[in-house]
Amino acid sequence: MKKIVKNTTVVALSGVMAIGMLSGCGTSGDTEKSKNDSRKAVEQTTQAEADTNSKAQNEEDKSESRDIFAMDTYMTLTAYGKNAKKALDAAVDEINNIEQLVSTGIDSSEVSQINKNGKGSVSETTGYLIKRSKEIYDSTNGVFDITIYPIMQAWGFPTENYRVPGKKELKKLRGLMGADHVLYEKKQEVTLDKEGMKIDLGGIAKGYTSSKVMDIFRENGISSAVISLGGNVQTLNGKPDGSDWRVAVENPADTGSYIGVLS
């Protein structure tokens, strides 16, 4: 009786082991299929990642451009990145807003009102530009002077009705100059303390505007950009392909040639 039980136990255990081996390991065909499925899944995942990276790169390389006329000059703005359109729209709005504040060619601008009345309240933007202009006037010993506008008018630059003013006329107009006579109060009130004095922020406004445009680009995650505001050129990072921007400097004596290229 004991012998029969032992033999039966051995047979039963052998059967269990055989079933376990078949169910746990599978056949050689099943193993190969599993390997192929795993390889295919890896390939699909890799391709999906490549497609995602390619799409992201295409978004970064996507460019938008704007050509506008503002501040009495032609401007070109080009930005790269997925938010390029949004950034350019905001940049154009900022340019137009600044122009409305400081342009001498717009009668309702803050600068035009100051020139007309000899004084006036100004916005934070105009106030900053006047204050900064006075600082540059001091640091350059009067070389940079926003009170040159009456002389510009005498030469006909604002209207393009050019003429050569006489020496006596220029001497009289020079007596109206001096940015130290432009009084800027803390309450953002500006006063010109010489009758007939006028100011023009054209020498600083475009550079300021350019820096504001770059701020907008950065806020919108723009990866690369180049702008030209009437010849005031500024870039953001390099080109999308990683190379440097190249900016040609026109020869003033021969507008068909260049005196150099900056990169």
Protein backbone atom coordinates (compact mmCIF):
# COMPACT_ATOMS: atom_id res chain seq x y z
CA MET A 1 0.00 0.00 0.00
CA LYS A 2 2.80 2.46 0.85
CA LYS A 3 4.57 1.62 -2.42
CA ILE A 4 1.47 2.36 -4.49
CA VAL A 5 1.04 5.78 -2.85
CA LYS A 6 4.67 6.72 -3.50
CA ASN A 7 4.44 5.86 -7.19
CA THR A 8 1.21 7.77 -7.54
CA THR A 9 2.76 10.88 -5.92
CA VAL A 10 5.72 10.79 -8.29
CA VAL A 11 3.47 10.57 -11.33
CA ALA A 12 1.32 13.44 -10.09
CA LEU A 13 4.29 15.71 -9.43
CA SER A 14 5.72 14.92 -12.86
CA GLY A 15 2.46 15.92 -14.46
CA VAL A 16 2.33 19.23 -12.58
CA MET A 17 5.91 20.10 -13.57
CA ALA A 18 5.18 19.36 -17.21
CA ILE A 19 2.07 21.56 -17.23
CA GLY A 20 3.95 24.34 -15.43
CA MET A 21 6.77 24.28 -17.94
CA LEU A 22 4.36 24.48 -20.88
CA SER A 23 2.22 27.27 -19.43
CA GLY A 24 5.12 29.38 -18.07
CA CYS A 25 7.54 29.27 -20.98
CA GLY A 26 5.21 28.87 -23.93
CA THR A 27 6.19 27.43 -27.28
CA SER A 28 9.11 28.69 -29.37
CA GLY A 29 6.60 30.28 -31.80
CA ASP A 30 4.95 32.27 -29.01
CA THR A 31 8.35 33.50 -27.79
CA GLU A 32 9.31 34.76 -31.26
CA LYS A 33 5.95 36.52 -31.65
CA SER A 34 6.45 38.22 -28.29
CA LYS A 35 9.88 39.44 -29.35
CA ASN A 36 8.50 40.85 -32.61
CA ASP A 37 5.63 42.60 -30.81
CA SER A 38 8.08 44.12 -28.33
CA ARG A 39 10.39 45.27 -31.11
CA LYS A 40 7.48 46.79 -33.01
CA ALA A 41 6.30 48.66 -29.92
CA VAL A 42 9.78 50.13 -29.41
CA GLU A 43 9.97 51.17 -33.06
CA GLN A 44 6.54 52.85 -32.88
CA THR A 45 7.49 54.69 -29.68
CA THR A 46 10.77 55.85 -31.22
CA GLN A 47 8.97 57.09 -34.34
CA ALA A 48 6.37 58.90 -32.23
CA GLU A 49 9.12 60.65 -30.29
CA ALA A 50 10.87 61.59 -33.53
CA ASP A 51 7.61 62.97 -34.96
CA THR A 52 7.04 65.00 -31.77
CA ASN A 53 10.57 66.39 -31.83
CA SER A 54 10.28 67.19 -35.53
CA LYS A 55 6.97 68.99 -34.96
CA ALA A 56 8.47 70.96 -32.08
CA GLN A 57 11.47 71.91 -34.22
CA ASN A 58 9.20 72.98 -37.06
CA GLU A 59 7.30 75.19 -34.61
CA GLU A 60 10.57 76.77 -33.47
CA ASP A 61 11.65 77.36 -37.09
CA LYS A 62 8.29 78.88 -38.07
CA SER A 63 8.67 82.56 -38.92
CA GLU A 64 6.35 85.54 -39.15
CA SER A 65 7.18 89.01 -40.49
CA ARG A 66 5.65 92.47 -40.45
CA ASP A 67 6.42 95.53 -42.58
CA ILE A 68 5.01 98.78 -41.20
CA PHE A 69 5.48 102.52 -41.53
CA ALA A 70 5.74 104.28 -38.18
CA MET A 71 7.76 107.08 -36.57
CA ASP A 72 8.25 108.52 -40.05
CA THR A 73 10.23 105.49 -41.24
CA TYR A 74 9.85 101.96 -42.61
CA MET A 75 10.19 99.09 -40.16
CA THR A 76 10.63 95.36 -40.66
CA LEU A 77 10.14 92.79 -37.90
CA THR A 78 10.78 89.03 -38.20
CA ALA A 79 10.31 86.53 -35.37
CA TYR A 80 10.70 82.75 -35.12
CA GLY A 81 8.78 80.42 -32.82
CA LYS A 82 5.30 79.03 -32.22
CA ASN A 83 4.14 82.37 -30.75
CA ALA A 84 5.65 84.49 -33.53
CA LYS A 85 2.33 85.85 -34.81
CA LYS A 86 1.10 86.77 -31.32
CA ALA A 87 4.43 88.42 -30.47
CA LEU A 88 4.52 90.45 -33.69
CA ASP A 89 0.94 91.66 -33.23
CA ALA A 90 1.84 92.85 -29.72
CA ALA A 91 5.07 94.45 -30.99
CA VAL A 92 3.25 96.42 -33.70
CA ASP A 93 0.72 97.65 -31.13
CA GLU A 94 3.57 98.79 -28.87
CA ILE A 95 5.28 100.65 -31.72
CA ASN A 96 2.07 102.44 -32.62
CA ASN A 97 1.38 103.32 -28.98
CA ILE A 98 4.83 104.86 -28.52
CA GLU A 99 4.47 106.79 -31.77
CA GLN A 100 1.19 108.29 -30.59
CA LEU A 101 2.97 109.59 -27.49
CA VAL A 102 6.21 111.04 -28.85
CA SER A 103 5.86 111.80 -32.57
CA THR A 104 6.28 115.46 -33.53
CA GLY A 105 4.28 114.64 -36.66
CA ILE A 106 1.12 113.87 -34.65
CA ASP A 107 -0.56 117.00 -33.30
CA SER A 108 -2.18 115.17 -30.39
CA SER A 109 1.02 113.53 -29.16
CA GLU A 110 2.40 114.50 -25.78
CA VAL A 111 5.56 115.91 -27.34
CA SER A 112 3.59 118.02 -29.84
CA GLN A 113 1.44 119.41 -27.03
CA ILE A 114 4.53 120.31 -25.00
CA ASN A 115 6.03 122.08 -28.01
CA LYS A 116 2.78 123.96 -28.62
CA ASN A 117 2.12 125.01 -25.03
CA GLY A 118 5.61 125.11 -23.56
CA LYS A 119 4.55 122.54 -20.96
CA GLY A 120 2.37 119.51 -20.42
CA SER A 121 1.65 116.31 -18.54
CA VAL A 122 3.32 113.18 -19.83
CA SER A 123 2.92 109.43 -19.57
CA GLU A 124 5.48 107.19 -17.94
CA THR A 125 6.96 106.37 -21.36
CA THR A 126 7.42 109.97 -22.50
CA GLY A 127 8.64 110.99 -19.06
CA TYR A 128 11.26 108.26 -19.07
CA LEU A 129 12.52 109.24 -22.52
CA ILE A 130 12.83 112.91 -21.56
CA LYS A 131 14.57 112.07 -18.30
CA ARG A 132 16.96 109.68 -20.03
CA SER A 133 17.64 112.25 -22.77
CA LYS A 134 18.64 114.80 -20.14
CA GLU A 135 21.03 112.26 -18.60
CA ILE A 136 22.66 111.65 -21.98
CA TYR A 137 22.82 115.40 -22.57
CA ASP A 138 24.83 115.76 -19.37
CA SER A 139 27.08 112.75 -20.04
CA THR A 140 27.91 113.97 -23.58
CA ASN A 141 28.45 117.59 -22.54
CA GLY A 142 25.51 118.72 -24.61
CA VAL A 143 26.30 116.78 -27.79
CA PHE A 144 23.01 114.88 -27.57
CA ASP A 145 20.32 117.54 -27.24
CA ILE A 146 16.58 116.97 -27.74
CA THR A 147 16.00 120.76 -27.94
CA ILE A 148 17.44 120.82 -31.47
CA TYR A 149 13.96 120.67 -33.02
CA PRO A 150 13.68 124.40 -33.98
CA ILE A 151 16.90 124.05 -35.97
CA MET A 152 15.59 120.89 -37.65
CA GLN A 153 12.50 122.86 -38.63
CA ALA A 154 14.63 125.66 -40.03
CA TRP A 155 16.43 123.18 -42.29
CA GLY A 156 13.07 121.71 -43.37
CA PHE A 157 13.68 118.15 -42.15
CA PRO A 158 10.23 117.52 -40.59
CA THR A 159 8.32 118.74 -43.68
CA GLU A 160 10.94 117.76 -46.29
CA ASN A 161 10.76 121.33 -47.60
CA TYR A 162 14.53 121.64 -47.37
CA ARG A 163 16.33 124.97 -47.24
CA VAL A 164 19.61 126.38 -45.97
CA PRO A 165 18.98 128.80 -43.08
CA GLY A 166 21.14 131.88 -42.73
CA LYS A 167 23.80 132.33 -40.06
CA LYS A 168 21.81 134.93 -38.13
CA GLU A 169 18.77 132.66 -38.07
CA LEU A 170 20.79 129.70 -36.83
CA LYS A 171 22.48 131.80 -34.17
CA LYS A 172 19.10 132.91 -32.85
CA LEU A 173 17.76 129.35 -32.85
CA ARG A 174 20.83 128.02 -31.08
CA GLY A 175 19.92 130.35 -28.24
CA LEU A 176 16.82 128.23 -27.70
CA MET A 177 18.81 125.06 -27.19
CA GLY A 178 19.88 123.31 -24.01
CA ALA A 179 18.21 120.24 -22.51
CA ASP A 180 19.07 121.58 -19.07
CA HIS A 181 16.22 124.04 -19.70
CA VAL A 182 13.76 121.16 -20.04
CA LEU A 183 12.31 120.82 -16.55
CA TYR A 184 10.89 117.44 -15.61
CA GLU A 185 8.94 117.33 -12.38
CA LYS A 186 8.29 114.24 -10.27
CA LYS A 187 4.55 114.52 -10.98
CA GLN A 188 5.37 113.87 -14.64
CA GLU A 189 5.00 117.50 -15.63
CA VAL A 190 7.36 118.89 -18.27
CA THR A 191 8.12 122.58 -18.73
CA LEU A 192 10.27 124.30 -21.36
CA ASP A 193 11.64 127.38 -19.64
CA LYS A 194 12.59 129.24 -22.84
CA GLU A 195 9.90 130.71 -25.04
CA GLY A 196 10.05 129.12 -28.49
CA MET A 197 11.98 126.06 -27.27
CA LYS A 198 10.85 122.72 -28.72
CA ILE A 199 11.93 119.12 -28.26
CA ASP A 200 12.23 116.08 -30.50
CA LEU A 201 12.76 112.55 -29.13
CA GLY A 202 13.60 111.01 -32.51
CA GLY A 203 17.20 110.43 -31.49
CA ILE A 204 16.22 108.11 -28.64
CA ALA A 205 12.70 106.86 -29.36
CA LYS A 206 13.57 104.21 -31.95
CA GLY A 207 16.25 102.64 -29.78
CA TYR A 208 13.87 102.58 -26.84
CA THR A 209 11.12 101.10 -29.01
CA SER A 210 13.50 98.42 -30.28
CA SER A 211 14.29 97.33 -26.71
CA LYS A 212 10.56 97.20 -25.88
CA VAL A 213 9.92 94.99 -28.91
CA MET A 214 12.65 92.60 -27.76
CA ASP A 215 11.05 92.48 -24.30
CA ILE A 216 7.78 91.44 -25.92
CA PHE A 217 9.53 88.74 -27.94
CA ARG A 218 11.15 87.28 -24.83
CA GLU A 219 7.86 87.32 -22.93
CA ASN A 220 6.32 85.27 -25.74
CA GLY A 221 9.11 82.72 -25.86
CA ILE A 222 10.50 83.81 -29.21
CA SER A 223 13.68 81.85 -29.92
CA SER A 224 15.13 84.05 -32.66
CA ALA A 225 14.34 87.45 -34.18
CA VAL A 226 15.70 90.38 -36.17
CA ILE A 227 14.17 93.84 -36.50
CA SER A 228 15.06 97.01 -38.36
CA LEU A 229 13.40 100.23 -37.26
CA GLY A 230 14.45 102.62 -39.96
CA GLY A 231 18.01 101.28 -39.93
CA ASN A 232 18.15 100.68 -36.17
CA VAL A 233 18.87 96.94 -36.30
CA GLN A 234 18.61 94.62 -33.30
CA THR A 235 18.68 90.82 -33.09
CA LEU A 236 17.58 88.22 -30.56
CA ASN A 237 19.88 85.20 -30.28
CA GLY A 238 21.30 83.70 -33.49
CA LYS A 239 19.45 82.40 -36.54
CA PRO A 240 17.21 79.34 -36.09
CA ASP A 241 19.92 77.16 -37.65
CA GLY A 242 22.42 78.31 -35.02
CA SER A 243 24.45 80.60 -37.28
CA ASP A 244 25.06 84.30 -36.60
CA TRP A 245 23.03 87.12 -38.06
CA ARG A 246 24.93 89.25 -40.58
CA VAL A 247 24.07 92.95 -40.73
CA ALA A 248 25.47 95.06 -43.57
CA VAL A 249 26.40 98.70 -42.93
CA GLU A 250 25.52 100.86 -45.91
CA ASN A 251 28.11 103.20 -47.35
CA PRO A 252 26.73 106.76 -46.94
CA ALA A 253 28.75 107.94 -49.93
CA ASP A 254 27.45 105.13 -52.15
CA THR A 255 24.11 103.63 -51.10
CA GLY A 256 24.62 100.75 -53.50
CA SER A 257 27.56 99.37 -51.51
CA TYR A 258 28.51 98.50 -47.94
CA ILE A 259 31.42 99.61 -45.80
CA GLY A 260 31.28 96.48 -43.68
CA VAL A 261 29.27 93.55 -42.35
CA LEU A 262 28.66 92.92 -38.65
CA SER A 263 27.92 89.47 -37.25
